[in-house]
Amino acid sequence: MKTLFGLVWFLVQVSLMILAGILFGGIAHFLIESRWIILIPGLILIYFLGPYILELIIKYNLIKEIKKEFDK
């Protein structure tokens, strides 16, 4: 029974990976064929650098608030 469940789970995972490949392949094909090719590097940069940029913005706002408190 455990072996059968393992086989079924493996087949489900394989089918989900194939479905994801078809879905993301279609999206990538659309982006590459269209004029939105500039969008791909931008999205990659936002994905990797977004948290750091957000952290810098939060720190800047925090420093500004602290400076306001000291200026009073």
PDB file of N, CA and C in Angstrom:
ATOM      1  N   MET A   1       0.830  -1.200   0.000  1.00  0.00           N
ATOM      2  CA  MET A   1       0.000   0.000   0.000  1.00  0.00           C
ATOM      3  C   MET A   1       0.874   1.263   0.000  1.00  0.00           C
ATOM      4  N   LYS A   2       1.942   1.220   0.808  1.00  0.00           N
ATOM      5  CA  LYS A   2       2.832   2.365   0.878  1.00  0.00           C
ATOM      6  C   LYS A   2       3.540   2.582  -0.462  1.00  0.00           C
ATOM      7  N   THR A   3       3.893   1.492  -1.129  1.00  0.00           N
ATOM      8  CA  THR A   3       4.546   1.589  -2.429  1.00  0.00           C
ATOM      9  C   THR A   3       3.594   2.165  -3.473  1.00  0.00           C
ATOM     10  N   LEU A   4       2.335   1.745  -3.424  1.00  0.00           N
ATOM     11  CA  LEU A   4       1.340   2.261  -4.357  1.00  0.00           C
ATOM     12  C   LEU A   4       1.130   3.761  -4.145  1.00  0.00           C
ATOM     13  N   PHE A   5       1.053   4.174  -2.878  1.00  0.00           N
ATOM     14  CA  PHE A   5       0.905   5.597  -2.582  1.00  0.00           C
ATOM     15  C   PHE A   5       2.118   6.382  -3.080  1.00  0.00           C
ATOM     16  N   GLY A   6       3.309   5.819  -2.891  1.00  0.00           N
ATOM     17  CA  GLY A   6       4.528   6.477  -3.367  1.00  0.00           C
ATOM     18  C   GLY A   6       4.531   6.633  -4.879  1.00  0.00           C
ATOM     19  N   LEU A   7       4.075   5.601  -5.585  1.00  0.00           N
ATOM     20  CA  LEU A   7       4.016   5.664  -7.044  1.00  0.00           C
ATOM     21  C   LEU A   7       3.004   6.711  -7.508  1.00  0.00           C
ATOM     22  N   VAL A   8       1.835   6.721  -6.872  1.00  0.00           N
ATOM     23  CA  VAL A   8       0.807   7.702  -7.241  1.00  0.00           C
ATOM     24  C   VAL A   8       1.304   9.119  -6.952  1.00  0.00           C
ATOM     25  N   TRP A   9       1.944   9.314  -5.809  1.00  0.00           N
ATOM     26  CA  TRP A   9       2.464  10.635  -5.458  1.00  0.00           C
ATOM     27  C   TRP A   9       3.533  11.076  -6.454  1.00  0.00           C
ATOM     28  N   PHE A  10       4.385  10.145  -6.873  1.00  0.00           N
ATOM     29  CA  PHE A  10       5.413  10.450  -7.867  1.00  0.00           C
ATOM     30  C   PHE A  10       4.770  10.871  -9.191  1.00  0.00           C
ATOM     31  N   LEU A  11       3.740  10.161  -9.623  1.00  0.00           N
ATOM     32  CA  LEU A  11       3.062  10.500 -10.875  1.00  0.00           C
ATOM     33  C   LEU A  11       2.367  11.862 -10.785  1.00  0.00           C
ATOM     34  N   VAL A  12       1.807  12.168  -9.621  1.00  0.00           N
ATOM     35  CA  VAL A  12       1.182  13.483  -9.430  1.00  0.00           C
ATOM     36  C   VAL A  12       2.237  14.581  -9.525  1.00  0.00           C
ATOM     37  N   GLN A  13       3.389  14.374  -8.899  1.00  0.00           N
ATOM     38  CA  GLN A  13       4.455  15.371  -8.953  1.00  0.00           C
ATOM     39  C   GLN A  13       4.954  15.577 -10.379  1.00  0.00           C
ATOM     40  N   VAL A  14       5.129  14.478 -11.114  1.00  0.00           N
ATOM     41  CA  VAL A  14       5.601  14.586 -12.496  1.00  0.00           C
ATOM     42  C   VAL A  14       4.589  15.346 -13.349  1.00  0.00           C
ATOM     43  N   SER A  15       3.311  15.041 -13.172  1.00  0.00           N
ATOM     44  CA  SER A  15       2.296  15.737 -13.974  1.00  0.00           C
ATOM     45  C   SER A  15       2.224  17.216 -13.608  1.00  0.00           C
ATOM     46  N   LEU A  16       2.399  17.549 -12.327  1.00  0.00           N
ATOM     47  CA  LEU A  16       2.410  18.961 -11.931  1.00  0.00           C
ATOM     48  C   LEU A  16       3.623  19.691 -12.499  1.00  0.00           C
ATOM     49  N   MET A  17       4.776  19.013 -12.541  1.00  0.00           N
ATOM     50  CA  MET A  17       5.965  19.635 -13.123  1.00  0.00           C
ATOM     51  C   MET A  17       5.784  19.869 -14.621  1.00  0.00           C
ATOM     52  N   ILE A  18       5.166  18.912 -15.308  1.00  0.00           N
ATOM     53  CA  ILE A  18       4.909  19.085 -16.740  1.00  0.00           C
ATOM     54  C   ILE A  18       3.948  20.245 -16.961  1.00  0.00           C
ATOM     55  N   LEU A  19       2.904  20.325 -16.150  1.00  0.00           N
ATOM     56  CA  LEU A  19       1.936  21.418 -16.261  1.00  0.00           C
ATOM     57  C   LEU A  19       2.598  22.771 -15.998  1.00  0.00           C
ATOM     58  N   ALA A  20       3.460  22.824 -14.975  1.00  0.00           N
ATOM     59  CA  ALA A  20       4.165  24.074 -14.676  1.00  0.00           C
ATOM     60  C   ALA A  20       5.101  24.449 -15.819  1.00  0.00           C
ATOM     61  N   GLY A  21       5.762  23.466 -16.411  1.00  0.00           N
ATOM     62  CA  GLY A  21       6.639  23.738 -17.552  1.00  0.00           C
ATOM     63  C   GLY A  21       5.875  24.292 -18.734  1.00  0.00           C
ATOM     64  N   ILE A  22       4.706  23.730 -19.002  1.00  0.00           N
ATOM     65  CA  ILE A  22       3.883  24.231 -20.106  1.00  0.00           C
ATOM     66  C   ILE A  22       3.419  25.653 -19.813  1.00  0.00           C
ATOM     67  N   LEU A  23       2.965  25.891 -18.586  1.00  0.00           N
ATOM     68  CA  LEU A  23       2.458  27.216 -18.215  1.00  0.00           C
ATOM     69  C   LEU A  23       3.554  28.274 -18.296  1.00  0.00           C
ATOM     70  N   PHE A  24       4.690  28.023 -17.618  1.00  0.00           N
ATOM     71  CA  PHE A  24       5.755  29.019 -17.603  1.00  0.00           C
ATOM     72  C   PHE A  24       6.449  29.121 -18.951  1.00  0.00           C
ATOM     73  N   GLY A  25       6.494  28.027 -19.696  1.00  0.00           N
ATOM     74  CA  GLY A  25       7.039  28.086 -21.050  1.00  0.00           C
ATOM     75  C   GLY A  25       6.190  28.967 -21.945  1.00  0.00           C
ATOM     76  N   GLY A  26       4.873  28.868 -21.794  1.00  0.00           N
ATOM     77  CA  GLY A  26       3.984  29.728 -22.575  1.00  0.00           C
ATOM     78  C   GLY A  26       4.145  31.187 -22.217  1.00  0.00           C
ATOM     79  N   ILE A  27       4.262  31.466 -20.922  1.00  0.00           N
ATOM     80  CA  ILE A  27       4.459  32.856 -20.487  1.00  0.00           C
ATOM     81  C   ILE A  27       5.789  33.391 -21.005  1.00  0.00           C
ATOM     82  N   ALA A  28       6.852  32.579 -20.896  1.00  0.00           N
ATOM     83  CA  ALA A  28       8.166  33.011 -21.375  1.00  0.00           C
ATOM     84  C   ALA A  28       8.146  33.224 -22.887  1.00  0.00           C
ATOM     85  N   HIS A  29       7.471  32.342 -23.606  1.00  0.00           N
ATOM     86  CA  HIS A  29       7.383  32.494 -25.061  1.00  0.00           C
ATOM     87  C   HIS A  29       6.655  33.790 -25.413  1.00  0.00           C
ATOM     88  N   PHE A  30       5.588  34.089 -24.698  1.00  0.00           N
ATOM     89  CA  PHE A  30       4.846  35.330 -24.949  1.00  0.00           C
ATOM     90  C   PHE A  30       5.725  36.548 -24.685  1.00  0.00           C
ATOM     91  N   LEU A  31       6.473  36.524 -23.577  1.00  0.00           N
ATOM     92  CA  LEU A  31       7.308  37.673 -23.236  1.00  0.00           C
ATOM     93  C   LEU A  31       8.449  37.848 -24.227  1.00  0.00           C
ATOM     94  N   ILE A  32       9.034  36.731 -24.671  1.00  0.00           N
ATOM     95  CA  ILE A  32      10.161  36.825 -25.591  1.00  0.00           C
ATOM     96  C   ILE A  32       9.689  37.279 -26.974  1.00  0.00           C
ATOM     97  N   GLU A  33       8.549  36.788 -27.418  1.00  0.00           N
ATOM     98  CA  GLU A  33       8.046  37.155 -28.740  1.00  0.00           C
ATOM     99  C   GLU A  33       7.509  38.580 -28.778  1.00  0.00           C
ATOM    100  N   SER A  34       7.055  39.071 -27.654  1.00  0.00           N
ATOM    101  CA  SER A  34       6.515  40.430 -27.650  1.00  0.00           C
ATOM    102  C   SER A  34       7.650  41.428 -27.433  1.00  0.00           C
ATOM    103  N   ARG A  35       7.278  42.669 -27.339  1.00  0.00           N
ATOM    104  CA  ARG A  35       8.294  43.706 -27.138  1.00  0.00           C
ATOM    105  C   ARG A  35       8.580  43.937 -25.664  1.00  0.00           C
ATOM    106  N   TRP A  36       8.121  43.057 -24.834  1.00  0.00           N
ATOM    107  CA  TRP A  36       8.325  43.202 -23.393  1.00  0.00           C
ATOM    108  C   TRP A  36       9.595  42.511 -22.934  1.00  0.00           C
ATOM    109  N   ILE A  37      10.551  42.302 -23.846  1.00  0.00           N
ATOM    110  CA  ILE A  37      11.779  41.591 -23.497  1.00  0.00           C
ATOM    111  C   ILE A  37      12.556  42.349 -22.418  1.00  0.00           C
ATOM    112  N   ILE A  38      12.382  43.665 -22.348  1.00  0.00           N
ATOM    113  CA  ILE A  38      13.037  44.475 -21.313  1.00  0.00           C
ATOM    114  C   ILE A  38      12.458  44.135 -19.942  1.00  0.00           C
ATOM    115  N   LEU A  39      11.220  43.674 -19.920  1.00  0.00           N
ATOM    116  CA  LEU A  39      10.539  43.394 -18.660  1.00  0.00           C
ATOM    117  C   LEU A  39      11.189  42.244 -17.893  1.00  0.00           C
ATOM    118  N   ILE A  40      11.740  41.273 -18.605  1.00  0.00           N
ATOM    119  CA  ILE A  40      12.282  40.081 -17.944  1.00  0.00           C
ATOM    120  C   ILE A  40      13.460  40.428 -17.027  1.00  0.00           C
ATOM    121  N   PRO A  41      14.509  41.135 -17.509  1.00  0.00           N
ATOM    122  CA  PRO A  41      15.590  41.494 -16.577  1.00  0.00           C
ATOM    123  C   PRO A  41      15.113  42.392 -15.437  1.00  0.00           C
ATOM    124  N   GLY A  42      14.148  43.266 -15.735  1.00  0.00           N
ATOM    125  CA  GLY A  42      13.608  44.128 -14.682  1.00  0.00           C
ATOM    126  C   GLY A  42      12.923  43.332 -13.592  1.00  0.00           C
ATOM    127  N   LEU A  43      12.127  42.336 -13.995  1.00  0.00           N
ATOM    128  CA  LEU A  43      11.457  41.488 -13.004  1.00  0.00           C
ATOM    129  C   LEU A  43      12.462  40.682 -12.196  1.00  0.00           C
ATOM    130  N   ILE A  44      13.515  40.211 -12.859  1.00  0.00           N
ATOM    131  CA  ILE A  44      14.548  39.451 -12.145  1.00  0.00           C
ATOM    132  C   ILE A  44      15.241  40.350 -11.122  1.00  0.00           C
ATOM    133  N   LEU A  45      15.571  41.576 -11.529  1.00  0.00           N
ATOM    134  CA  LEU A  45      16.221  42.502 -10.597  1.00  0.00           C
ATOM    135  C   LEU A  45      15.317  42.850  -9.424  1.00  0.00           C
ATOM    136  N   ILE A  46      14.040  43.090  -9.707  1.00  0.00           N
ATOM    137  CA  ILE A  46      13.102  43.398  -8.622  1.00  0.00           C
ATOM    138  C   ILE A  46      12.979  42.211  -7.680  1.00  0.00           C
ATOM    139  N   TYR A  47      12.961  40.996  -8.247  1.00  0.00           N
ATOM    140  CA  TYR A  47      12.819  39.806  -7.408  1.00  0.00           C
ATOM    141  C   TYR A  47      14.004  39.661  -6.461  1.00  0.00           C
ATOM    142  N   PHE A  48      15.224  39.881  -6.979  1.00  0.00           N
ATOM    143  CA  PHE A  48      16.400  39.673  -6.141  1.00  0.00           C
ATOM    144  C   PHE A  48      16.762  40.894  -5.306  1.00  0.00           C
ATOM    145  N   LEU A  49      16.546  42.086  -5.837  1.00  0.00           N
ATOM    146  CA  LEU A  49      16.955  43.296  -5.124  1.00  0.00           C
ATOM    147  C   LEU A  49      15.816  43.966  -4.370  1.00  0.00           C
ATOM    148  N   GLY A  50      14.587  43.530  -4.600  1.00  0.00           N
ATOM    149  CA  GLY A  50      13.428  44.140  -3.965  1.00  0.00           C
ATOM    150  C   GLY A  50      13.496  44.195  -2.451  1.00  0.00           C
ATOM    151  N   PRO A  51      13.814  43.079  -1.786  1.00  0.00           N
ATOM    152  CA  PRO A  51      13.888  43.131  -0.315  1.00  0.00           C
ATOM    153  C   PRO A  51      14.943  44.104   0.200  1.00  0.00           C
ATOM    154  N   TYR A  52      16.083  44.206  -0.503  1.00  0.00           N
ATOM    155  CA  TYR A  52      17.130  45.128  -0.065  1.00  0.00           C
ATOM    156  C   TYR A  52      16.693  46.576  -0.256  1.00  0.00           C
ATOM    157  N   ILE A  53      16.029  46.853  -1.377  1.00  0.00           N
ATOM    158  CA  ILE A  53      15.533  48.205  -1.625  1.00  0.00           C
ATOM    159  C   ILE A  53      14.485  48.578  -0.584  1.00  0.00           C
ATOM    160  N   LEU A  54      13.587  47.644  -0.287  1.00  0.00           N
ATOM    161  CA  LEU A  54      12.562  47.896   0.722  1.00  0.00           C
ATOM    162  C   LEU A  54      13.191  48.137   2.091  1.00  0.00           C
ATOM    163  N   GLU A  55      14.227  47.377   2.415  1.00  0.00           N
ATOM    164  CA  GLU A  55      14.912  47.558   3.693  1.00  0.00           C
ATOM    165  C   GLU A  55      15.573  48.932   3.764  1.00  0.00           C
ATOM    166  N   LEU A  56      16.174  49.378   2.669  1.00  0.00           N
ATOM    167  CA  LEU A  56      16.785  50.708   2.653  1.00  0.00           C
ATOM    168  C   LEU A  56      15.742  51.802   2.831  1.00  0.00           C
ATOM    169  N   ILE A  57      14.587  51.649   2.199  1.00  0.00           N
ATOM    170  CA  ILE A  57      13.518  52.647   2.343  1.00  0.00           C
ATOM    171  C   ILE A  57      13.033  52.699   3.785  1.00  0.00           C
ATOM    172  N   ILE A  58      12.848  51.529   4.400  1.00  0.00           N
ATOM    173  CA  ILE A  58      12.386  51.488   5.790  1.00  0.00           C
ATOM    174  C   ILE A  58      13.420  52.118   6.715  1.00  0.00           C
ATOM    175  N   LYS A  59      14.714  51.819   6.501  1.00  0.00           N
ATOM    176  CA  LYS A  59      15.761  52.405   7.336  1.00  0.00           C
ATOM    177  C   LYS A  59      15.817  53.917   7.159  1.00  0.00           C
ATOM    178  N   TYR A  60      15.656  54.394   5.917  1.00  0.00           N
ATOM    179  CA  TYR A  60      15.679  55.833   5.661  1.00  0.00           C
ATOM    180  C   TYR A  60      14.533  56.521   6.391  1.00  0.00           C
ATOM    181  N   ASN A  61      13.341  55.939   6.318  1.00  0.00           N
ATOM    182  CA  ASN A  61      12.193  56.534   7.008  1.00  0.00           C
ATOM    183  C   ASN A  61      12.382  56.501   8.519  1.00  0.00           C
ATOM    184  N   LEU A  62      12.968  55.429   9.032  1.00  0.00           N
ATOM    185  CA  LEU A  62      13.223  55.326  10.467  1.00  0.00           C
ATOM    186  C   LEU A  62      14.243  56.373  10.904  1.00  0.00           C
ATOM    187  N   ILE A  63      15.300  56.552  10.119  1.00  0.00           N
ATOM    188  CA  ILE A  63      16.313  57.554  10.449  1.00  0.00           C
ATOM    189  C   ILE A  63      15.702  58.954  10.407  1.00  0.00           C
ATOM    190  N   LYS A  64      14.822  59.197   9.442  1.00  0.00           N
ATOM    191  CA  LYS A  64      14.155  60.495   9.346  1.00  0.00           C
ATOM    192  C   LYS A  64      13.294  60.752  10.581  1.00  0.00           C
ATOM    193  N   GLU A  65      12.575  59.726  11.047  1.00  0.00           N
ATOM    194  CA  GLU A  65      11.743  59.873  12.247  1.00  0.00           C
ATOM    195  C   GLU A  65      12.604  60.132  13.479  1.00  0.00           C
ATOM    196  N   ILE A  66      13.726  59.428  13.596  1.00  0.00           N
ATOM    197  CA  ILE A  66      14.622  59.633  14.745  1.00  0.00           C
ATOM    198  C   ILE A  66      15.193  61.048  14.711  1.00  0.00           C
ATOM    199  N   LYS A  67      15.555  61.517  13.518  1.00  0.00           N
ATOM    200  CA  LYS A  67      16.092  62.871  13.395  1.00  0.00           C
ATOM    201  C   LYS A  67      15.049  63.906  13.807  1.00  0.00           C
ATOM    202  N   LYS A  68      13.790  63.681  13.456  1.00  0.00           N
ATOM    203  CA  LYS A  68      12.718  64.596  13.867  1.00  0.00           C
ATOM    204  C   LYS A  68      12.608  64.653  15.381  1.00  0.00           C
ATOM    205  N   GLU A  69      12.739  63.504  16.029  1.00  0.00           N
ATOM    206  CA  GLU A  69      12.645  63.460  17.492  1.00  0.00           C
ATOM    207  C   GLU A  69      13.800  64.223  18.140  1.00  0.00           C
ATOM    208  N   PHE A  70      15.009  64.106  17.580  1.00  0.00           N
ATOM    209  CA  PHE A  70      16.150  64.803  18.159  1.00  0.00           C
ATOM    210  C   PHE A  70      16.108  66.304  17.881  1.00  0.00           C
ATOM    211  N   ASP A  71      15.471  66.701  16.788  1.00  0.00           N
ATOM    212  CA  ASP A  71      15.393  68.129  16.453  1.00  0.00           C
ATOM    213  C   ASP A  71      14.412  68.880  17.343  1.00  0.00           C
ATOM    214  N   LYS A  72      13.517  68.173  18.011  1.00  0.00           N
ATOM    215  CA  LYS A  72      12.521  68.839  18.858  1.00  0.00           C
ATOM    216  C   LYS A  72      13.122  69.403  20.112  1.00  0.00           C
TER     217      LYS A  72
END
